[in-house]
Amino acid sequence: MNNTHPIPYEILLERYMESQRETEYLEYKISALNNEIDAWQKAYEDYAGILSEHGLI
């Protein structure tokens, strides 16, 4: 059985580490966007409450 791989281990490891960094960055961005959505949702609810208090909706 031949255990040689056409792509050297170092290159595979480098690509793996790069994909890990990209994944971590995307998880960070998703978290930041979710926080922004939460902030907008709260602001919308507060604004709707003010409009409701004044009989505008």
N, C-alpha and C. Protein backbone atom coordinates (compact mmCIF):
# COMPACT_ATOMS: atom_id res chain seq x y z
N MET A 1 0.85 -1.18 0.00
CA MET A 1 0.00 0.00 0.00
C MET A 1 0.89 1.24 0.00
N ASN A 2 0.59 2.17 -0.86
CA ASN A 2 1.39 3.37 -1.01
C ASN A 2 0.79 4.49 -0.15
N ASN A 3 1.59 5.03 0.78
CA ASN A 3 1.11 6.06 1.70
C ASN A 3 1.51 7.47 1.28
N THR A 4 2.02 7.64 0.08
CA THR A 4 2.38 8.99 -0.35
C THR A 4 1.14 9.74 -0.77
N HIS A 5 1.11 10.99 -0.43
CA HIS A 5 -0.03 11.84 -0.76
C HIS A 5 0.43 12.87 -1.78
N PRO A 6 -0.39 13.16 -2.78
CA PRO A 6 0.05 14.10 -3.82
C PRO A 6 0.27 15.53 -3.31
N ILE A 7 -0.36 15.90 -2.20
CA ILE A 7 -0.19 17.24 -1.63
C ILE A 7 0.59 17.09 -0.33
N PRO A 8 1.69 17.81 -0.18
CA PRO A 8 2.49 17.69 1.05
C PRO A 8 1.68 18.06 2.30
N TYR A 9 2.02 17.40 3.38
CA TYR A 9 1.34 17.60 4.66
C TYR A 9 1.36 19.07 5.07
N GLU A 10 2.48 19.74 4.90
CA GLU A 10 2.61 21.14 5.32
C GLU A 10 1.60 22.03 4.60
N ILE A 11 1.39 21.76 3.33
CA ILE A 11 0.43 22.55 2.56
C ILE A 11 -0.99 22.26 3.04
N LEU A 12 -1.28 21.00 3.29
CA LEU A 12 -2.61 20.65 3.81
C LEU A 12 -2.85 21.30 5.16
N LEU A 13 -1.82 21.28 6.02
CA LEU A 13 -1.95 21.89 7.34
C LEU A 13 -2.16 23.40 7.21
N GLU A 14 -1.42 24.03 6.32
CA GLU A 14 -1.57 25.47 6.10
C GLU A 14 -2.98 25.81 5.63
N ARG A 15 -3.49 25.03 4.70
CA ARG A 15 -4.86 25.26 4.20
C ARG A 15 -5.89 25.03 5.30
N TYR A 16 -5.66 24.02 6.11
CA TYR A 16 -6.58 23.74 7.21
C TYR A 16 -6.59 24.90 8.20
N MET A 17 -5.40 25.40 8.56
CA MET A 17 -5.31 26.50 9.52
C MET A 17 -5.96 27.76 8.94
N GLU A 18 -5.78 28.00 7.67
CA GLU A 18 -6.41 29.15 7.02
C GLU A 18 -7.93 29.02 7.06
N SER A 19 -8.43 27.84 6.79
CA SER A 19 -9.88 27.65 6.82
C SER A 19 -10.41 27.80 8.24
N GLN A 20 -9.63 27.39 9.23
CA GLN A 20 -10.03 27.56 10.63
C GLN A 20 -10.13 29.05 10.96
N ARG A 21 -9.14 29.84 10.54
CA ARG A 21 -9.17 31.29 10.78
C ARG A 21 -10.38 31.92 10.09
N GLU A 22 -10.64 31.50 8.87
CA GLU A 22 -11.80 32.04 8.15
C GLU A 22 -13.10 31.67 8.85
N THR A 23 -13.18 30.45 9.34
CA THR A 23 -14.37 30.02 10.06
C THR A 23 -14.57 30.83 11.33
N GLU A 24 -13.49 31.05 12.09
CA GLU A 24 -13.58 31.85 13.31
C GLU A 24 -14.02 33.28 12.99
N TYR A 25 -13.48 33.84 11.92
CA TYR A 25 -13.86 35.20 11.52
C TYR A 25 -15.34 35.26 11.16
N LEU A 26 -15.80 34.28 10.39
CA LEU A 26 -17.21 34.26 10.00
C LEU A 26 -18.12 34.07 11.21
N GLU A 27 -17.72 33.25 12.17
CA GLU A 27 -18.50 33.10 13.40
C GLU A 27 -18.57 34.41 14.16
N TYR A 28 -17.44 35.14 14.20
CA TYR A 28 -17.40 36.45 14.85
C TYR A 28 -18.36 37.42 14.15
N LYS A 29 -18.31 37.45 12.80
CA LYS A 29 -19.18 38.35 12.05
C LYS A 29 -20.66 38.00 12.25
N ILE A 30 -20.98 36.72 12.27
CA ILE A 30 -22.36 36.29 12.50
C ILE A 30 -22.83 36.75 13.87
N SER A 31 -21.98 36.59 14.87
CA SER A 31 -22.32 37.03 16.22
C SER A 31 -22.55 38.54 16.26
N ALA A 32 -21.66 39.29 15.60
CA ALA A 32 -21.81 40.75 15.57
C ALA A 32 -23.11 41.15 14.87
N LEU A 33 -23.44 40.49 13.78
CA LEU A 33 -24.68 40.80 13.07
C LEU A 33 -25.90 40.43 13.90
N ASN A 34 -25.84 39.32 14.62
CA ASN A 34 -26.95 38.95 15.50
C ASN A 34 -27.13 40.00 16.60
N ASN A 35 -26.02 40.52 17.14
CA ASN A 35 -26.12 41.57 18.15
C ASN A 35 -26.74 42.83 17.57
N GLU A 36 -26.38 43.15 16.34
CA GLU A 36 -26.95 44.33 15.68
C GLU A 36 -28.44 44.13 15.43
N ILE A 37 -28.83 42.95 15.02
CA ILE A 37 -30.26 42.65 14.82
C ILE A 37 -31.01 42.82 16.13
N ASP A 38 -30.44 42.31 17.22
CA ASP A 38 -31.08 42.45 18.53
C ASP A 38 -31.26 43.92 18.90
N ALA A 39 -30.24 44.74 18.64
CA ALA A 39 -30.32 46.17 18.96
C ALA A 39 -31.40 46.85 18.12
N TRP A 40 -31.47 46.53 16.84
CA TRP A 40 -32.50 47.11 15.98
C TRP A 40 -33.89 46.66 16.42
N GLN A 41 -34.01 45.41 16.80
CA GLN A 41 -35.31 44.89 17.25
C GLN A 41 -35.78 45.63 18.50
N LYS A 42 -34.86 45.83 19.45
CA LYS A 42 -35.21 46.56 20.67
C LYS A 42 -35.61 47.99 20.34
N ALA A 43 -34.84 48.65 19.46
CA ALA A 43 -35.16 50.03 19.08
C ALA A 43 -36.53 50.10 18.40
N TYR A 44 -36.82 49.13 17.55
CA TYR A 44 -38.12 49.09 16.87
C TYR A 44 -39.24 48.93 17.89
N GLU A 45 -39.05 48.03 18.85
CA GLU A 45 -40.08 47.82 19.88
C GLU A 45 -40.26 49.08 20.73
N ASP A 46 -39.17 49.75 21.08
CA ASP A 46 -39.26 50.99 21.85
C ASP A 46 -40.00 52.07 21.06
N TYR A 47 -39.67 52.20 19.78
CA TYR A 47 -40.31 53.19 18.92
C TYR A 47 -41.80 52.88 18.77
N ALA A 48 -42.13 51.62 18.58
CA ALA A 48 -43.54 51.23 18.46
C ALA A 48 -44.28 51.54 19.76
N GLY A 49 -43.61 51.34 20.89
CA GLY A 49 -44.22 51.66 22.17
C GLY A 49 -44.52 53.14 22.30
N ILE A 50 -43.60 53.98 21.87
CA ILE A 50 -43.80 55.43 21.93
C ILE A 50 -44.96 55.83 21.02
N LEU A 51 -44.98 55.31 19.80
CA LEU A 51 -46.08 55.62 18.88
C LEU A 51 -47.42 55.17 19.45
N SER A 52 -47.43 54.01 20.08
CA SER A 52 -48.66 53.49 20.66
C SER A 52 -49.12 54.36 21.83
N GLU A 53 -48.18 54.81 22.64
CA GLU A 53 -48.53 55.67 23.78
C GLU A 53 -49.20 56.96 23.32
N HIS A 54 -48.82 57.45 22.17
CA HIS A 54 -49.37 58.70 21.64
C HIS A 54 -50.53 58.46 20.68
N GLY A 55 -50.98 57.22 20.61
CA GLY A 55 -52.13 56.89 19.78
C GLY A 55 -51.87 57.00 18.28
N LEU A 56 -50.62 56.87 17.90
CA LEU A 56 -50.29 57.00 16.48
C LEU A 56 -50.34 55.67 15.74
N ILE A 57 -50.41 54.59 16.48
CA ILE A 57 -50.59 53.28 15.84
C ILE A 57 -51.58 52.47 16.64
